[in-house]
Amino acid sequence: MTTAAVTGLKTTERSEALRAALVALVLGLGLIFLTGFSHPEVIHNAAHDVRHSLSFPCH
């Protein structure tokens, strides 16, 4: 295997890992924000309690 092939393989692995991390971040933030602004009170209160336990500002 050539050096260029190894470098290209590492770059591909890194870009896939970054893409997966970005997708996880977007889904996680979406879950926090969308659940926090939902109308059913039980769901909102559960998200609210989790935010406070993580020291995440919500007010």
PDB file of N, CA and C in Angstrom:
ATOM      1  N   MET A   1       0.855  -1.178   0.000  1.00  0.00           N
ATOM      2  CA  MET A   1       0.000   0.000   0.000  1.00  0.00           C
ATOM      3  C   MET A   1       0.895   1.233   0.000  1.00  0.00           C
ATOM      4  N   THR A   2       0.548   2.208  -0.770  1.00  0.00           N
ATOM      5  CA  THR A   2       1.362   3.415  -0.856  1.00  0.00           C
ATOM      6  C   THR A   2       1.005   4.382   0.266  1.00  0.00           C
ATOM      7  N   THR A   3       1.890   5.358   0.443  1.00  0.00           N
ATOM      8  CA  THR A   3       1.656   6.368   1.478  1.00  0.00           C
ATOM      9  C   THR A   3       0.409   7.172   1.172  1.00  0.00           C
ATOM     10  N   ALA A   4       0.160   7.476  -0.089  1.00  0.00           N
ATOM     11  CA  ALA A   4      -1.031   8.239  -0.474  1.00  0.00           C
ATOM     12  C   ALA A   4      -2.305   7.458  -0.153  1.00  0.00           C
ATOM     13  N   ALA A   5      -2.273   6.145  -0.357  1.00  0.00           N
ATOM     14  CA  ALA A   5      -3.453   5.328  -0.067  1.00  0.00           C
ATOM     15  C   ALA A   5      -3.727   5.288   1.432  1.00  0.00           C
ATOM     16  N   VAL A   6      -2.666   5.188   2.231  1.00  0.00           N
ATOM     17  CA  VAL A   6      -2.827   5.161   3.685  1.00  0.00           C
ATOM     18  C   VAL A   6      -3.343   6.503   4.176  1.00  0.00           C
ATOM     19  N   THR A   7      -2.810   7.596   3.652  1.00  0.00           N
ATOM     20  CA  THR A   7      -3.259   8.936   4.042  1.00  0.00           C
ATOM     21  C   THR A   7      -4.722   9.140   3.655  1.00  0.00           C
ATOM     22  N   GLY A   8      -5.090   8.697   2.456  1.00  0.00           N
ATOM     23  CA  GLY A   8      -6.483   8.813   2.021  1.00  0.00           C
ATOM     24  C   GLY A   8      -7.418   7.995   2.884  1.00  0.00           C
ATOM     25  N   LEU A   9      -6.970   6.835   3.331  1.00  0.00           N
ATOM     26  CA  LEU A   9      -7.784   5.980   4.192  1.00  0.00           C
ATOM     27  C   LEU A   9      -8.004   6.648   5.550  1.00  0.00           C
ATOM     28  N   LYS A  10      -6.955   7.234   6.114  1.00  0.00           N
ATOM     29  CA  LYS A  10      -7.078   7.907   7.404  1.00  0.00           C
ATOM     30  C   LYS A  10      -8.006   9.120   7.301  1.00  0.00           C
ATOM     31  N   THR A  11      -7.907   9.850   6.199  1.00  0.00           N
ATOM     32  CA  THR A  11      -8.762  11.014   5.993  1.00  0.00           C
ATOM     33  C   THR A  11     -10.220  10.595   5.888  1.00  0.00           C
ATOM     34  N   THR A  12     -10.475   9.501   5.191  1.00  0.00           N
ATOM     35  CA  THR A  12     -11.841   9.003   5.050  1.00  0.00           C
ATOM     36  C   THR A  12     -12.406   8.570   6.399  1.00  0.00           C
ATOM     37  N   GLU A  13     -11.602   7.854   7.188  1.00  0.00           N
ATOM     38  CA  GLU A  13     -12.053   7.411   8.503  1.00  0.00           C
ATOM     39  C   GLU A  13     -12.361   8.608   9.400  1.00  0.00           C
ATOM     40  N   ARG A  14     -11.511   9.611   9.331  1.00  0.00           N
ATOM     41  CA  ARG A  14     -11.718  10.796  10.166  1.00  0.00           C
ATOM     42  C   ARG A  14     -12.979  11.555   9.734  1.00  0.00           C
ATOM     43  N   SER A  15     -13.194  11.696   8.439  1.00  0.00           N
ATOM     44  CA  SER A  15     -14.380  12.418   7.973  1.00  0.00           C
ATOM     45  C   SER A  15     -15.655  11.664   8.335  1.00  0.00           C
ATOM     46  N   GLU A  16     -15.612  10.331   8.296  1.00  0.00           N
ATOM     47  CA  GLU A  16     -16.778   9.550   8.703  1.00  0.00           C
ATOM     48  C   GLU A  16     -17.043   9.703  10.199  1.00  0.00           C
ATOM     49  N   ALA A  17     -15.994   9.737  11.001  1.00  0.00           N
ATOM     50  CA  ALA A  17     -16.152   9.910  12.444  1.00  0.00           C
ATOM     51  C   ALA A  17     -16.700  11.303  12.753  1.00  0.00           C
ATOM     52  N   LEU A  18     -16.219  12.311  12.060  1.00  0.00           N
ATOM     53  CA  LEU A  18     -16.721  13.663  12.263  1.00  0.00           C
ATOM     54  C   LEU A  18     -18.177  13.785  11.828  1.00  0.00           C
ATOM     55  N   ARG A  19     -18.531  13.128  10.744  1.00  0.00           N
ATOM     56  CA  ARG A  19     -19.916  13.152  10.274  1.00  0.00           C
ATOM     57  C   ARG A  19     -20.833  12.479  11.295  1.00  0.00           C
ATOM     58  N   ALA A  20     -20.402  11.349  11.840  1.00  0.00           N
ATOM     59  CA  ALA A  20     -21.206  10.653  12.855  1.00  0.00           C
ATOM     60  C   ALA A  20     -21.358  11.504  14.113  1.00  0.00           C
ATOM     61  N   ALA A  21     -20.290  12.178  14.513  1.00  0.00           N
ATOM     62  CA  ALA A  21     -20.353  13.045  15.691  1.00  0.00           C
ATOM     63  C   ALA A  21     -21.295  14.216  15.451  1.00  0.00           C
ATOM     64  N   LEU A  22     -21.257  14.780  14.271  1.00  0.00           N
ATOM     65  CA  LEU A  22     -22.139  15.898  13.946  1.00  0.00           C
ATOM     66  C   LEU A  22     -23.605  15.463  13.946  1.00  0.00           C
ATOM     67  N   VAL A  23     -23.886  14.306  13.383  1.00  0.00           N
ATOM     68  CA  VAL A  23     -25.260  13.796  13.375  1.00  0.00           C
ATOM     69  C   VAL A  23     -25.738  13.547  14.807  1.00  0.00           C
ATOM     70  N   ALA A  24     -24.884  12.964  15.644  1.00  0.00           N
ATOM     71  CA  ALA A  24     -25.251  12.715  17.041  1.00  0.00           C
ATOM     72  C   ALA A  24     -25.502  14.022  17.774  1.00  0.00           C
ATOM     73  N   LEU A  25     -24.684  15.027  17.519  1.00  0.00           N
ATOM     74  CA  LEU A  25     -24.856  16.332  18.155  1.00  0.00           C
ATOM     75  C   LEU A  25     -26.170  16.975  17.743  1.00  0.00           C
ATOM     76  N   VAL A  26     -26.478  16.953  16.463  1.00  0.00           N
ATOM     77  CA  VAL A  26     -27.722  17.557  15.974  1.00  0.00           C
ATOM     78  C   VAL A  26     -28.938  16.823  16.540  1.00  0.00           C
ATOM     79  N   LEU A  27     -28.896  15.504  16.548  1.00  0.00           N
ATOM     80  CA  LEU A  27     -30.023  14.742  17.099  1.00  0.00           C
ATOM     81  C   LEU A  27     -30.172  14.988  18.603  1.00  0.00           C
ATOM     82  N   GLY A  28     -29.072  15.029  19.320  1.00  0.00           N
ATOM     83  CA  GLY A  28     -29.134  15.263  20.758  1.00  0.00           C
ATOM     84  C   GLY A  28     -29.663  16.642  21.098  1.00  0.00           C
ATOM     85  N   LEU A  29     -29.154  17.662  20.420  1.00  0.00           N
ATOM     86  CA  LEU A  29     -29.644  19.017  20.670  1.00  0.00           C
ATOM     87  C   LEU A  29     -31.103  19.157  20.251  1.00  0.00           C
ATOM     88  N   GLY A  30     -31.470  18.538  19.156  1.00  0.00           N
ATOM     89  CA  GLY A  30     -32.863  18.569  18.724  1.00  0.00           C
ATOM     90  C   GLY A  30     -33.770  17.924  19.745  1.00  0.00           C
ATOM     91  N   LEU A  31     -33.322  16.811  20.305  1.00  0.00           N
ATOM     92  CA  LEU A  31     -34.121  16.134  21.324  1.00  0.00           C
ATOM     93  C   LEU A  31     -34.292  17.017  22.559  1.00  0.00           C
ATOM     94  N   ILE A  32     -33.228  17.654  22.992  1.00  0.00           N
ATOM     95  CA  ILE A  32     -33.310  18.521  24.175  1.00  0.00           C
ATOM     96  C   ILE A  32     -34.234  19.701  23.922  1.00  0.00           C
ATOM     97  N   PHE A  33     -34.035  20.400  22.816  1.00  0.00           N
ATOM     98  CA  PHE A  33     -34.816  21.610  22.565  1.00  0.00           C
ATOM     99  C   PHE A  33     -36.270  21.303  22.194  1.00  0.00           C
ATOM    100  N   LEU A  34     -36.503  20.333  21.334  1.00  0.00           N
ATOM    101  CA  LEU A  34     -37.870  20.034  20.910  1.00  0.00           C
ATOM    102  C   LEU A  34     -38.692  19.427  22.040  1.00  0.00           C
ATOM    103  N   THR A  35     -38.070  18.584  22.852  1.00  0.00           N
ATOM    104  CA  THR A  35     -38.782  18.016  23.985  1.00  0.00           C
ATOM    105  C   THR A  35     -39.058  19.082  25.033  1.00  0.00           C
ATOM    106  N   GLY A  36     -38.128  19.992  25.218  1.00  0.00           N
ATOM    107  CA  GLY A  36     -38.299  21.051  26.206  1.00  0.00           C
ATOM    108  C   GLY A  36     -39.414  22.015  25.852  1.00  0.00           C
ATOM    109  N   PHE A  37     -39.689  22.184  24.576  1.00  0.00           N
ATOM    110  CA  PHE A  37     -40.739  23.107  24.149  1.00  0.00           C
ATOM    111  C   PHE A  37     -42.041  22.390  23.779  1.00  0.00           C
ATOM    112  N   SER A  38     -42.135  21.104  24.107  1.00  0.00           N
ATOM    113  CA  SER A  38     -43.362  20.375  23.780  1.00  0.00           C
ATOM    114  C   SER A  38     -44.482  20.791  24.718  1.00  0.00           C
ATOM    115  N   HIS A  39     -45.705  20.583  24.295  1.00  0.00           N
ATOM    116  CA  HIS A  39     -46.857  21.014  25.074  1.00  0.00           C
ATOM    117  C   HIS A  39     -47.285  20.040  26.164  1.00  0.00           C
ATOM    118  N   PRO A  40     -47.182  18.721  25.955  1.00  0.00           N
ATOM    119  CA  PRO A  40     -47.562  17.832  27.068  1.00  0.00           C
ATOM    120  C   PRO A  40     -46.671  18.099  28.281  1.00  0.00           C
ATOM    121  N   GLU A  41     -47.291  18.373  29.386  1.00  0.00           N
ATOM    122  CA  GLU A  41     -46.560  18.824  30.564  1.00  0.00           C
ATOM    123  C   GLU A  41     -45.596  17.779  31.112  1.00  0.00           C
ATOM    124  N   VAL A  42     -45.951  16.514  31.033  1.00  0.00           N
ATOM    125  CA  VAL A  42     -45.084  15.464  31.558  1.00  0.00           C
ATOM    126  C   VAL A  42     -43.758  15.424  30.791  1.00  0.00           C
ATOM    127  N   ILE A  43     -43.829  15.502  29.469  1.00  0.00           N
ATOM    128  CA  ILE A  43     -42.616  15.470  28.647  1.00  0.00           C
ATOM    129  C   ILE A  43     -41.780  16.721  28.908  1.00  0.00           C
ATOM    130  N   HIS A  44     -42.421  17.871  28.968  1.00  0.00           N
ATOM    131  CA  HIS A  44     -41.705  19.110  29.215  1.00  0.00           C
ATOM    132  C   HIS A  44     -41.004  19.073  30.575  1.00  0.00           C
ATOM    133  N   ASN A  45     -41.693  18.608  31.598  1.00  0.00           N
ATOM    134  CA  ASN A  45     -41.098  18.569  32.935  1.00  0.00           C
ATOM    135  C   ASN A  45     -39.938  17.595  33.003  1.00  0.00           C
ATOM    136  N   ALA A  46     -40.016  16.477  32.309  1.00  0.00           N
ATOM    137  CA  ALA A  46     -38.900  15.525  32.278  1.00  0.00           C
ATOM    138  C   ALA A  46     -37.682  16.163  31.629  1.00  0.00           C
ATOM    139  N   ALA A  47     -37.871  16.848  30.516  1.00  0.00           N
ATOM    140  CA  ALA A  47     -36.757  17.522  29.847  1.00  0.00           C
ATOM    141  C   ALA A  47     -36.209  18.640  30.725  1.00  0.00           C
ATOM    142  N   HIS A  48     -37.086  19.337  31.404  1.00  0.00           N
ATOM    143  CA  HIS A  48     -36.692  20.431  32.283  1.00  0.00           C
ATOM    144  C   HIS A  48     -35.811  19.921  33.421  1.00  0.00           C
ATOM    145  N   ASP A  49     -36.186  18.808  34.019  1.00  0.00           N
ATOM    146  CA  ASP A  49     -35.399  18.230  35.108  1.00  0.00           C
ATOM    147  C   ASP A  49     -34.033  17.771  34.623  1.00  0.00           C
ATOM    148  N   VAL A  50     -33.991  17.199  33.426  1.00  0.00           N
ATOM    149  CA  VAL A  50     -32.707  16.766  32.871  1.00  0.00           C
ATOM    150  C   VAL A  50     -31.821  17.974  32.602  1.00  0.00           C
ATOM    151  N   ARG A  51     -32.385  19.031  32.079  1.00  0.00           N
ATOM    152  CA  ARG A  51     -31.595  20.238  31.829  1.00  0.00           C
ATOM    153  C   ARG A  51     -30.986  20.769  33.116  1.00  0.00           C
ATOM    154  N   HIS A  52     -31.766  20.815  34.181  1.00  0.00           N
ATOM    155  CA  HIS A  52     -31.239  21.312  35.445  1.00  0.00           C
ATOM    156  C   HIS A  52     -30.155  20.391  35.999  1.00  0.00           C
ATOM    157  N   SER A  53     -30.313  19.087  35.831  1.00  0.00           N
ATOM    158  CA  SER A  53     -29.305  18.165  36.335  1.00  0.00           C
ATOM    159  C   SER A  53     -27.995  18.289  35.555  1.00  0.00           C
ATOM    160  N   LEU A  54     -28.048  18.748  34.315  1.00  0.00           N
ATOM    161  CA  LEU A  54     -26.856  18.955  33.495  1.00  0.00           C
ATOM    162  C   LEU A  54     -26.336  20.383  33.547  1.00  0.00           C
ATOM    163  N   SER A  55     -26.931  21.217  34.392  1.00  0.00           N
ATOM    164  CA  SER A  55     -26.587  22.638  34.499  1.00  0.00           C
ATOM    165  C   SER A  55     -26.760  23.363  33.175  1.00  0.00           C
ATOM    166  N   PHE A  56     -27.793  22.984  32.435  1.00  0.00           N
ATOM    167  CA  PHE A  56     -28.090  23.560  31.132  1.00  0.00           C
ATOM    168  C   PHE A  56     -29.152  24.638  31.313  1.00  0.00           C
ATOM    169  N   PRO A  57     -28.883  25.867  30.894  1.00  0.00           N
ATOM    170  CA  PRO A  57     -29.859  26.942  31.103  1.00  0.00           C
ATOM    171  C   PRO A  57     -31.120  26.714  30.284  1.00  0.00           C
ATOM    172  N   CYS A  58     -32.253  26.917  30.905  1.00  0.00           N
ATOM    173  CA  CYS A  58     -33.502  26.682  30.189  1.00  0.00           C
ATOM    174  C   CYS A  58     -34.517  27.797  30.413  1.00  0.00           C
ATOM    175  N   HIS A  59     -34.212  28.770  31.187  1.00  0.00           N
ATOM    176  CA  HIS A  59     -35.163  29.875  31.433  1.00  0.00           C
ATOM    177  C   HIS A  59     -34.601  31.156  30.873  1.00  0.00           C
TER     178      HIS A  59
END
